[in-house]
Amino acid sequence: MNDELGVIIAWFESDKANLDEAIKKYEQANKLITEMEAYLKTAANKIKKINTDSNKKTS
């Protein structure tokens, strides 16, 4: 996901940008960001659960 976002950012920084394509790329980037945020939230929840379970075992 991160690599795809990097490609999109590089495209915007290049001289190849045109409005129609820019809109498509923006939509793709927005979708990738949403997916990454969901992935990170899931990972954070898993870490919290592991820490909670670990704390219960040591108490």
N, C-alpha and C. Protein backbone atom coordinates (compact mmCIF):
# COMPACT_ATOMS: atom_id res chain seq x y z
N MET A 1 0.82 -1.19 0.00
CA MET A 1 0.00 0.00 0.00
C MET A 1 0.87 1.26 0.00
N ASN A 2 1.87 1.25 0.85
CA ASN A 2 2.74 2.41 0.97
C ASN A 2 3.48 2.68 -0.34
N ASP A 3 3.92 1.62 -1.01
CA ASP A 3 4.61 1.79 -2.30
C ASP A 3 3.70 2.42 -3.34
N GLU A 4 2.43 1.97 -3.36
CA GLU A 4 1.47 2.52 -4.31
C GLU A 4 1.27 4.01 -4.07
N LEU A 5 1.17 4.38 -2.80
CA LEU A 5 0.99 5.78 -2.46
C LEU A 5 2.21 6.59 -2.88
N GLY A 6 3.39 6.03 -2.71
CA GLY A 6 4.61 6.70 -3.14
C GLY A 6 4.64 6.95 -4.64
N VAL A 7 4.17 5.99 -5.40
CA VAL A 7 4.10 6.13 -6.87
C VAL A 7 3.15 7.27 -7.24
N ILE A 8 2.02 7.33 -6.55
CA ILE A 8 1.05 8.39 -6.83
C ILE A 8 1.64 9.76 -6.49
N ILE A 9 2.29 9.85 -5.35
CA ILE A 9 2.90 11.12 -4.95
C ILE A 9 3.96 11.54 -5.96
N ALA A 10 4.78 10.60 -6.40
CA ALA A 10 5.81 10.91 -7.40
C ALA A 10 5.17 11.40 -8.69
N TRP A 11 4.05 10.80 -9.08
CA TRP A 11 3.35 11.22 -10.29
C TRP A 11 2.92 12.68 -10.17
N PHE A 12 2.35 13.04 -9.00
CA PHE A 12 1.92 14.42 -8.80
C PHE A 12 3.09 15.39 -8.86
N GLU A 13 4.25 14.95 -8.43
CA GLU A 13 5.43 15.80 -8.44
C GLU A 13 6.07 15.90 -9.82
N SER A 14 5.66 15.05 -10.75
CA SER A 14 6.24 15.06 -12.09
C SER A 14 5.52 16.07 -12.98
N ASP A 15 6.01 16.18 -14.20
CA ASP A 15 5.39 17.07 -15.18
C ASP A 15 4.27 16.38 -15.96
N LYS A 16 3.95 15.14 -15.60
CA LYS A 16 2.96 14.36 -16.35
C LYS A 16 1.52 14.67 -15.93
N ALA A 17 1.34 15.41 -14.85
CA ALA A 17 0.02 15.62 -14.27
C ALA A 17 -0.92 16.38 -15.22
N ASN A 18 -2.14 15.86 -15.35
CA ASN A 18 -3.22 16.59 -16.00
C ASN A 18 -4.45 16.45 -15.10
N LEU A 19 -5.42 17.31 -15.26
CA LEU A 19 -6.53 17.39 -14.31
C LEU A 19 -7.31 16.09 -14.18
N ASP A 20 -7.71 15.49 -15.29
CA ASP A 20 -8.51 14.26 -15.23
C ASP A 20 -7.75 13.14 -14.53
N GLU A 21 -6.51 12.98 -14.90
CA GLU A 21 -5.69 11.93 -14.29
C GLU A 21 -5.41 12.27 -12.82
N ALA A 22 -5.24 13.55 -12.53
CA ALA A 22 -4.99 13.97 -11.15
C ALA A 22 -6.17 13.62 -10.25
N ILE A 23 -7.37 13.79 -10.75
CA ILE A 23 -8.56 13.44 -9.97
C ILE A 23 -8.57 11.94 -9.69
N LYS A 24 -8.28 11.13 -10.70
CA LYS A 24 -8.23 9.67 -10.52
C LYS A 24 -7.16 9.28 -9.50
N LYS A 25 -5.99 9.88 -9.64
CA LYS A 25 -4.88 9.57 -8.73
C LYS A 25 -5.23 10.00 -7.30
N TYR A 26 -5.87 11.14 -7.16
CA TYR A 26 -6.28 11.62 -5.84
C TYR A 26 -7.25 10.63 -5.20
N GLU A 27 -8.21 10.16 -5.98
CA GLU A 27 -9.17 9.17 -5.46
C GLU A 27 -8.46 7.89 -5.05
N GLN A 28 -7.51 7.43 -5.86
CA GLN A 28 -6.74 6.23 -5.52
C GLN A 28 -5.96 6.44 -4.23
N ALA A 29 -5.32 7.58 -4.12
CA ALA A 29 -4.52 7.89 -2.93
C ALA A 29 -5.41 7.95 -1.69
N ASN A 30 -6.55 8.55 -1.82
CA ASN A 30 -7.48 8.66 -0.71
C ASN A 30 -7.93 7.27 -0.24
N LYS A 31 -8.21 6.39 -1.19
CA LYS A 31 -8.60 5.02 -0.85
C LYS A 31 -7.46 4.29 -0.14
N LEU A 32 -6.25 4.44 -0.64
CA LEU A 32 -5.09 3.80 -0.01
C LEU A 32 -4.87 4.32 1.41
N ILE A 33 -5.03 5.61 1.60
CA ILE A 33 -4.86 6.19 2.93
C ILE A 33 -5.90 5.62 3.88
N THR A 34 -7.13 5.50 3.43
CA THR A 34 -8.20 4.93 4.26
C THR A 34 -7.87 3.48 4.62
N GLU A 35 -7.37 2.71 3.65
CA GLU A 35 -7.00 1.32 3.92
C GLU A 35 -5.84 1.24 4.92
N MET A 36 -4.86 2.13 4.77
CA MET A 36 -3.72 2.14 5.69
C MET A 36 -4.15 2.51 7.11
N GLU A 37 -5.05 3.48 7.21
CA GLU A 37 -5.55 3.88 8.53
C GLU A 37 -6.27 2.72 9.20
N ALA A 38 -7.08 1.99 8.43
CA ALA A 38 -7.80 0.84 8.98
C ALA A 38 -6.81 -0.24 9.41
N TYR A 39 -5.80 -0.48 8.61
CA TYR A 39 -4.77 -1.48 8.94
C TYR A 39 -4.05 -1.10 10.24
N LEU A 40 -3.67 0.17 10.35
CA LEU A 40 -2.97 0.64 11.54
C LEU A 40 -3.86 0.57 12.78
N LYS A 41 -5.13 0.88 12.62
CA LYS A 41 -6.07 0.80 13.74
C LYS A 41 -6.21 -0.64 14.21
N THR A 42 -6.31 -1.56 13.27
CA THR A 42 -6.40 -2.98 13.62
C THR A 42 -5.13 -3.43 14.34
N ALA A 43 -3.99 -3.02 13.83
CA ALA A 43 -2.72 -3.39 14.46
C ALA A 43 -2.64 -2.82 15.87
N ALA A 44 -3.05 -1.57 16.04
CA ALA A 44 -3.02 -0.95 17.37
C ALA A 44 -3.93 -1.69 18.34
N ASN A 45 -5.10 -2.09 17.87
CA ASN A 45 -6.02 -2.84 18.73
C ASN A 45 -5.44 -4.19 19.13
N LYS A 46 -4.76 -4.85 18.20
CA LYS A 46 -4.12 -6.14 18.51
C LYS A 46 -3.03 -5.95 19.57
N ILE A 47 -2.25 -4.89 19.42
CA ILE A 47 -1.18 -4.61 20.38
C ILE A 47 -1.77 -4.32 21.76
N LYS A 48 -2.84 -3.52 21.80
CA LYS A 48 -3.50 -3.24 23.08
C LYS A 48 -3.99 -4.52 23.74
N LYS A 49 -4.57 -5.42 22.94
CA LYS A 49 -5.07 -6.68 23.48
C LYS A 49 -3.92 -7.52 24.02
N ILE A 50 -2.84 -7.59 23.28
CA ILE A 50 -1.66 -8.35 23.74
C ILE A 50 -1.16 -7.78 25.06
N ASN A 51 -1.06 -6.45 25.14
CA ASN A 51 -0.60 -5.81 26.37
C ASN A 51 -1.56 -6.06 27.53
N THR A 52 -2.85 -5.97 27.26
CA THR A 52 -3.85 -6.22 28.30
C THR A 52 -3.77 -7.65 28.78
N ASP A 53 -3.68 -8.60 27.85
CA ASP A 53 -3.57 -10.01 28.22
C ASP A 53 -2.29 -10.27 29.00
N SER A 54 -1.22 -9.63 28.60
CA SER A 54 0.07 -9.80 29.28
C SER A 54 0.00 -9.24 30.70
N ASN A 55 -0.64 -8.09 30.85
CA ASN A 55 -0.78 -7.48 32.17
C ASN A 55 -1.64 -8.33 33.10
N LYS A 56 -2.66 -8.98 32.55
CA LYS A 56 -3.51 -9.86 33.36
C LYS A 56 -2.72 -11.05 33.87
N LYS A 57 -1.83 -11.57 33.03
CA LYS A 57 -1.03 -12.74 33.41
C LYS A 57 -0.01 -12.40 34.48
N THR A 58 0.50 -11.17 34.46
CA THR A 58 1.53 -10.79 35.43
C THR A 58 0.93 -10.26 36.73
N SER A 59 -0.36 -10.03 36.75
CA SER A 59 -1.00 -9.50 37.97
C SER A 59 -1.33 -10.58 38.96
